All heavy atoms as atom14 arrays in JSON, in Angstrom:
{
  "sequence": "ELPFLERFAAASQAGFKAVEFLAPYDFTA",
  "atom14_mask": [
    [1, 1, 1, 1, 1, 1, 1, 1, 1, 0, 0, 0, 0, 0],
    [1, 1, 1, 1, 1, 1, 1, 1, 0, 0, 0, 0, 0, 0],
    [1, 1, 1, 1, 1, 1, 1, 0, 0, 0, 0, 0, 0, 0],
    [1, 1, 1, 1, 1, 1, 1, 1, 1, 1, 1, 0, 0, 0],
    [1, 1, 1, 1, 1, 1, 1, 1, 0, 0, 0, 0, 0, 0],
    [1, 1, 1, 1, 1, 1, 1, 1, 1, 0, 0, 0, 0, 0],
    [1, 1, 1, 1, 1, 1, 1, 1, 1, 1, 1, 0, 0, 0],
    [1, 1, 1, 1, 1, 1, 1, 1, 1, 1, 1, 0, 0, 0],
    [1, 1, 1, 1, 1, 0, 0, 0, 0, 0, 0, 0, 0, 0],
    [1, 1, 1, 1, 1, 0, 0, 0, 0, 0, 0, 0, 0, 0],
    [1, 1, 1, 1, 1, 0, 0, 0, 0, 0, 0, 0, 0, 0],
    [1, 1, 1, 1, 1, 1, 0, 0, 0, 0, 0, 0, 0, 0],
    [1, 1, 1, 1, 1, 1, 1, 1, 1, 0, 0, 0, 0, 0],
    [1, 1, 1, 1, 1, 0, 0, 0, 0, 0, 0, 0, 0, 0],
    [1, 1, 1, 1, 0, 0, 0, 0, 0, 0, 0, 0, 0, 0],
    [1, 1, 1, 1, 1, 1, 1, 1, 1, 1, 1, 0, 0, 0],
    [1, 1, 1, 1, 1, 1, 1, 1, 1, 0, 0, 0, 0, 0],
    [1, 1, 1, 1, 1, 0, 0, 0, 0, 0, 0, 0, 0, 0],
    [1, 1, 1, 1, 1, 1, 1, 0, 0, 0, 0, 0, 0, 0],
    [1, 1, 1, 1, 1, 1, 1, 1, 1, 0, 0, 0, 0, 0],
    [1, 1, 1, 1, 1, 1, 1, 1, 1, 1, 1, 0, 0, 0],
    [1, 1, 1, 1, 1, 1, 1, 1, 0, 0, 0, 0, 0, 0],
    [1, 1, 1, 1, 1, 0, 0, 0, 0, 0, 0, 0, 0, 0],
    [1, 1, 1, 1, 1, 1, 1, 0, 0, 0, 0, 0, 0, 0],
    [1, 1, 1, 1, 1, 1, 1, 1, 1, 1, 1, 1, 0, 0],
    [1, 1, 1, 1, 1, 1, 1, 1, 0, 0, 0, 0, 0, 0],
    [1, 1, 1, 1, 1, 1, 1, 1, 1, 1, 1, 0, 0, 0],
    [1, 1, 1, 1, 1, 1, 1, 0, 0, 0, 0, 0, 0, 0],
    [1, 1, 1, 1, 1, 0, 0, 0, 0, 0, 0, 0, 0, 0]
  ],
  "atom14_positions": [
    [[82.13, 98.9, 80.24], [80.9, 98.13, 80.37], [80.51, 97.97, 81.84], [79.37, 97.59, 82.15], [81.09, 96.74, 79.74], [81.51, 96.75, 78.27], [83.02, 96.79, 78.07], [83.78, 97.06, 79.03], [83.45, 96.58, 76.92], [0.0, 0.0, 0.0], [0.0, 0.0, 0.0], [0.0, 0.0, 0.0], [0.0, 0.0, 0.0], [0.0, 0.0, 0.0]],
    [[81.45, 98.26, 82.73], [81.27, 98.07, 84.17], [81.4, 99.39, 84.9], [82.08, 100.31, 84.43], [82.32, 97.09, 84.71], [82.32, 95.68, 84.13], [83.58, 94.95, 84.56], [81.08, 94.92, 84.59], [0.0, 0.0, 0.0], [0.0, 0.0, 0.0], [0.0, 0.0, 0.0], [0.0, 0.0, 0.0], [0.0, 0.0, 0.0], [0.0, 0.0, 0.0]],
    [[80.82, 99.51, 86.11], [81.09, 100.69, 86.94], [82.58, 100.78, 87.26], [83.29, 99.76, 87.31], [80.26, 100.42, 88.21], [79.22, 99.43, 87.78], [79.84, 98.59, 86.72], [0.0, 0.0, 0.0], [0.0, 0.0, 0.0], [0.0, 0.0, 0.0], [0.0, 0.0, 0.0], [0.0, 0.0, 0.0], [0.0, 0.0, 0.0], [0.0, 0.0, 0.0]],
    [[83.06, 101.98, 87.53], [84.5, 102.2, 87.67], [85.14, 101.27, 88.7], [86.19, 100.65, 88.42], [84.77, 103.66, 88.06], [86.22, 103.96, 88.27], [87.09, 104.07, 87.19], [86.73, 104.13, 89.55], [88.44, 104.35, 87.38], [88.07, 104.41, 89.76], [88.93, 104.52, 88.67], [0.0, 0.0, 0.0], [0.0, 0.0, 0.0], [0.0, 0.0, 0.0]],
    [[84.58, 101.13, 89.86], [85.23, 100.34, 90.9], [85.28, 98.85, 90.56], [86.1, 98.11, 91.14], [84.55, 100.55, 92.24], [84.71, 101.95, 92.86], [83.97, 102.03, 94.18], [86.19, 102.3, 93.06], [0.0, 0.0, 0.0], [0.0, 0.0, 0.0], [0.0, 0.0, 0.0], [0.0, 0.0, 0.0], [0.0, 0.0, 0.0], [0.0, 0.0, 0.0]],
    [[84.45, 98.4, 89.64], [84.48, 96.99, 89.23], [85.49, 96.73, 88.11], [85.77, 95.57, 87.78], [83.09, 96.55, 88.77], [82.05, 96.59, 89.88], [80.67, 96.16, 89.39], [80.59, 95.45, 88.37], [79.68, 96.54, 90.04], [0.0, 0.0, 0.0], [0.0, 0.0, 0.0], [0.0, 0.0, 0.0], [0.0, 0.0, 0.0], [0.0, 0.0, 0.0]],
    [[86.06, 97.78, 87.55], [86.98, 97.62, 86.42], [88.35, 97.09, 86.86], [89.06, 96.5, 86.05], [87.14, 98.96, 85.68], [85.83, 99.44, 85.06], [85.96, 100.83, 84.46], [84.64, 101.41, 84.25], [84.42, 102.66, 83.86], [85.44, 103.48, 83.67], [83.19, 103.11, 83.7], [0.0, 0.0, 0.0], [0.0, 0.0, 0.0], [0.0, 0.0, 0.0]],
    [[88.71, 97.29, 88.11], [90.0, 96.78, 88.59], [90.03, 95.26, 88.49], [90.99, 94.68, 87.96], [90.24, 97.23, 90.03], [90.44, 98.71, 90.18], [89.35, 99.57, 90.27], [91.71, 99.25, 90.23], [89.52, 100.94, 90.4], [91.9, 100.62, 90.37], [90.8, 101.46, 90.45], [0.0, 0.0, 0.0], [0.0, 0.0, 0.0], [0.0, 0.0, 0.0]],
    [[89.0, 94.61, 89.0], [88.94, 93.15, 88.94], [88.86, 92.67, 87.51], [89.49, 91.66, 87.14], [87.74, 92.64, 89.75], [0.0, 0.0, 0.0], [0.0, 0.0, 0.0], [0.0, 0.0, 0.0], [0.0, 0.0, 0.0], [0.0, 0.0, 0.0], [0.0, 0.0, 0.0], [0.0, 0.0, 0.0], [0.0, 0.0, 0.0], [0.0, 0.0, 0.0]],
    [[88.11, 93.38, 86.67], [87.98, 92.97, 85.27], [89.33, 93.05, 84.55], [89.67, 92.17, 83.76], [86.95, 93.84, 84.58], [0.0, 0.0, 0.0], [0.0, 0.0, 0.0], [0.0, 0.0, 0.0], [0.0, 0.0, 0.0], [0.0, 0.0, 0.0], [0.0, 0.0, 0.0], [0.0, 0.0, 0.0], [0.0, 0.0, 0.0], [0.0, 0.0, 0.0]],
    [[90.08, 94.1, 84.83], [91.4, 94.22, 84.21], [92.32, 93.09, 84.66], [93.06, 92.51, 83.85], [92.01, 95.58, 84.56], [0.0, 0.0, 0.0], [0.0, 0.0, 0.0], [0.0, 0.0, 0.0], [0.0, 0.0, 0.0], [0.0, 0.0, 0.0], [0.0, 0.0, 0.0], [0.0, 0.0, 0.0], [0.0, 0.0, 0.0], [0.0, 0.0, 0.0]],
    [[92.28, 92.78, 85.94], [93.1, 91.68, 86.45], [92.71, 90.36, 85.8], [93.57, 89.57, 85.4], [92.95, 91.59, 87.97], [93.69, 90.52, 88.5], [0.0, 0.0, 0.0], [0.0, 0.0, 0.0], [0.0, 0.0, 0.0], [0.0, 0.0, 0.0], [0.0, 0.0, 0.0], [0.0, 0.0, 0.0], [0.0, 0.0, 0.0], [0.0, 0.0, 0.0]],
    [[91.43, 90.11, 85.69], [90.95, 88.87, 85.07], [91.37, 88.77, 83.61], [91.56, 87.67, 83.08], [89.44, 88.77, 85.21], [88.98, 88.54, 86.64], [87.49, 88.77, 86.83], [86.75, 88.97, 85.87], [87.05, 88.78, 88.09], [0.0, 0.0, 0.0], [0.0, 0.0, 0.0], [0.0, 0.0, 0.0], [0.0, 0.0, 0.0], [0.0, 0.0, 0.0]],
    [[91.53, 89.91, 82.96], [91.96, 89.92, 81.56], [93.47, 89.77, 81.4], [93.95, 89.66, 80.27], [91.5, 91.22, 80.89], [0.0, 0.0, 0.0], [0.0, 0.0, 0.0], [0.0, 0.0, 0.0], [0.0, 0.0, 0.0], [0.0, 0.0, 0.0], [0.0, 0.0, 0.0], [0.0, 0.0, 0.0], [0.0, 0.0, 0.0], [0.0, 0.0, 0.0]],
    [[94.2, 89.79, 82.52], [95.63, 89.57, 82.47], [96.5, 90.77, 82.76], [97.74, 90.66, 82.78], [0.0, 0.0, 0.0], [0.0, 0.0, 0.0], [0.0, 0.0, 0.0], [0.0, 0.0, 0.0], [0.0, 0.0, 0.0], [0.0, 0.0, 0.0], [0.0, 0.0, 0.0], [0.0, 0.0, 0.0], [0.0, 0.0, 0.0], [0.0, 0.0, 0.0]],
    [[95.9, 91.91, 83.03], [96.69, 93.11, 83.34], [97.2, 93.06, 84.77], [96.47, 92.69, 85.68], [95.85, 94.37, 83.14], [95.55, 94.69, 81.7], [94.34, 94.29, 81.13], [96.46, 95.39, 80.92], [94.05, 94.59, 79.81], [96.18, 95.68, 79.6], [94.98, 95.28, 79.03], [0.0, 0.0, 0.0], [0.0, 0.0, 0.0], [0.0, 0.0, 0.0]],
    [[98.44, 93.5, 84.94], [99.04, 93.58, 86.27], [99.06, 95.01, 86.8], [99.47, 95.24, 87.94], [100.47, 93.04, 86.24], [100.6, 91.63, 85.72], [99.85, 90.63, 86.58], [100.04, 89.2, 86.07], [99.18, 88.24, 86.82], [0.0, 0.0, 0.0], [0.0, 0.0, 0.0], [0.0, 0.0, 0.0], [0.0, 0.0, 0.0], [0.0, 0.0, 0.0]],
    [[98.66, 95.96, 85.97], [98.68, 97.36, 86.36], [97.55, 98.1, 85.68], [97.03, 97.66, 84.64], [100.02, 97.99, 85.99], [0.0, 0.0, 0.0], [0.0, 0.0, 0.0], [0.0, 0.0, 0.0], [0.0, 0.0, 0.0], [0.0, 0.0, 0.0], [0.0, 0.0, 0.0], [0.0, 0.0, 0.0], [0.0, 0.0, 0.0], [0.0, 0.0, 0.0]],
    [[97.18, 99.23, 86.28], [96.11, 100.07, 85.73], [96.5, 101.54, 85.87], [97.35, 101.91, 86.68], [94.76, 99.83, 86.45], [94.31, 98.38, 86.29], [94.84, 100.22, 87.92], [0.0, 0.0, 0.0], [0.0, 0.0, 0.0], [0.0, 0.0, 0.0], [0.0, 0.0, 0.0], [0.0, 0.0, 0.0], [0.0, 0.0, 0.0], [0.0, 0.0, 0.0]],
    [[95.87, 102.35, 85.05], [95.94, 103.8, 85.16], [94.52, 104.32, 84.92], [93.65, 103.58, 84.49], [96.9, 104.38, 84.12], [96.49, 104.1, 82.68], [97.39, 104.77, 81.65], [98.59, 104.91, 81.9], [96.85, 105.15, 80.58], [0.0, 0.0, 0.0], [0.0, 0.0, 0.0], [0.0, 0.0, 0.0], [0.0, 0.0, 0.0], [0.0, 0.0, 0.0]],
    [[94.3, 105.59, 85.17], [92.98, 106.17, 84.91], [93.12, 107.68, 84.94], [94.14, 108.24, 85.36], [91.93, 105.69, 85.91], [92.44, 105.48, 87.31], [92.58, 106.54, 88.19], [92.77, 104.21, 87.76], [93.05, 106.35, 89.48], [93.24, 104.0, 89.05], [93.38, 105.07, 89.91], [0.0, 0.0, 0.0], [0.0, 0.0, 0.0], [0.0, 0.0, 0.0]],
    [[92.06, 108.33, 84.47], [92.08, 109.79, 84.39], [92.05, 110.41, 85.79], [92.96, 111.14, 86.17], [90.9, 110.28, 83.55], [90.71, 111.79, 83.46], [91.89, 112.45, 82.76], [89.41, 112.13, 82.75], [0.0, 0.0, 0.0], [0.0, 0.0, 0.0], [0.0, 0.0, 0.0], [0.0, 0.0, 0.0], [0.0, 0.0, 0.0], [0.0, 0.0, 0.0]],
    [[90.98, 110.16, 86.52], [90.81, 110.82, 87.81], [89.95, 109.95, 88.72], [88.86, 109.52, 88.31], [90.16, 112.18, 87.63], [0.0, 0.0, 0.0], [0.0, 0.0, 0.0], [0.0, 0.0, 0.0], [0.0, 0.0, 0.0], [0.0, 0.0, 0.0], [0.0, 0.0, 0.0], [0.0, 0.0, 0.0], [0.0, 0.0, 0.0], [0.0, 0.0, 0.0]],
    [[90.39, 109.73, 89.96], [89.64, 108.86, 90.88], [88.76, 109.62, 91.86], [88.22, 109.03, 92.79], [90.78, 108.16, 91.64], [91.83, 109.23, 91.75], [91.72, 110.05, 90.48], [0.0, 0.0, 0.0], [0.0, 0.0, 0.0], [0.0, 0.0, 0.0], [0.0, 0.0, 0.0], [0.0, 0.0, 0.0], [0.0, 0.0, 0.0], [0.0, 0.0, 0.0]],
    [[88.59, 110.92, 91.67], [88.1, 111.77, 92.75], [86.62, 111.68, 93.03], [86.13, 112.29, 93.99], [88.54, 113.21, 92.48], [90.02, 113.3, 92.19], [90.47, 113.58, 90.89], [90.97, 113.06, 93.18], [91.83, 113.64, 90.6], [92.32, 113.1, 92.9], [92.75, 113.39, 91.61], [94.09, 113.42, 91.32], [0.0, 0.0, 0.0], [0.0, 0.0, 0.0]],
    [[85.89, 110.92, 92.24], [84.48, 110.67, 92.56], [84.34, 109.66, 93.7], [83.23, 109.46, 94.2], [83.73, 110.14, 91.33], [83.48, 111.21, 90.3], [83.55, 112.4, 90.64], [83.22, 110.86, 89.13], [0.0, 0.0, 0.0], [0.0, 0.0, 0.0], [0.0, 0.0, 0.0], [0.0, 0.0, 0.0], [0.0, 0.0, 0.0], [0.0, 0.0, 0.0]],
    [[85.45, 109.05, 94.08], [85.47, 108.04, 95.14], [86.56, 108.43, 96.14], [87.48, 109.18, 95.82], [85.76, 106.65, 94.56], [84.84, 106.27, 93.44], [85.18, 106.53, 92.11], [83.62, 105.67, 93.71], [84.32, 106.2, 91.08], [82.76, 105.33, 92.68], [83.11, 105.6, 91.36], [0.0, 0.0, 0.0], [0.0, 0.0, 0.0], [0.0, 0.0, 0.0]],
    [[86.46, 107.9, 97.34], [87.53, 108.15, 98.31], [88.77, 107.36, 97.92], [88.69, 106.35, 97.21], [87.1, 107.74, 99.73], [86.97, 106.3, 99.79], [85.78, 108.39, 100.12], [0.0, 0.0, 0.0], [0.0, 0.0, 0.0], [0.0, 0.0, 0.0], [0.0, 0.0, 0.0], [0.0, 0.0, 0.0], [0.0, 0.0, 0.0], [0.0, 0.0, 0.0]],
    [[89.9, 107.84, 98.38], [91.14, 107.12, 98.1], [91.08, 105.7, 98.66], [91.61, 104.76, 98.06], [92.32, 107.88, 98.71], [0.0, 0.0, 0.0], [0.0, 0.0, 0.0], [0.0, 0.0, 0.0], [0.0, 0.0, 0.0], [0.0, 0.0, 0.0], [0.0, 0.0, 0.0], [0.0, 0.0, 0.0], [0.0, 0.0, 0.0], [0.0, 0.0, 0.0]]
  ]
}
């Protein structure tokens, strides 16, 4: 529902302490 870079904060707010994803290469490291 959110742009990719905003999903990190959303996951944290939902209680997740870790994330994974397919590929980050549309953005700089």
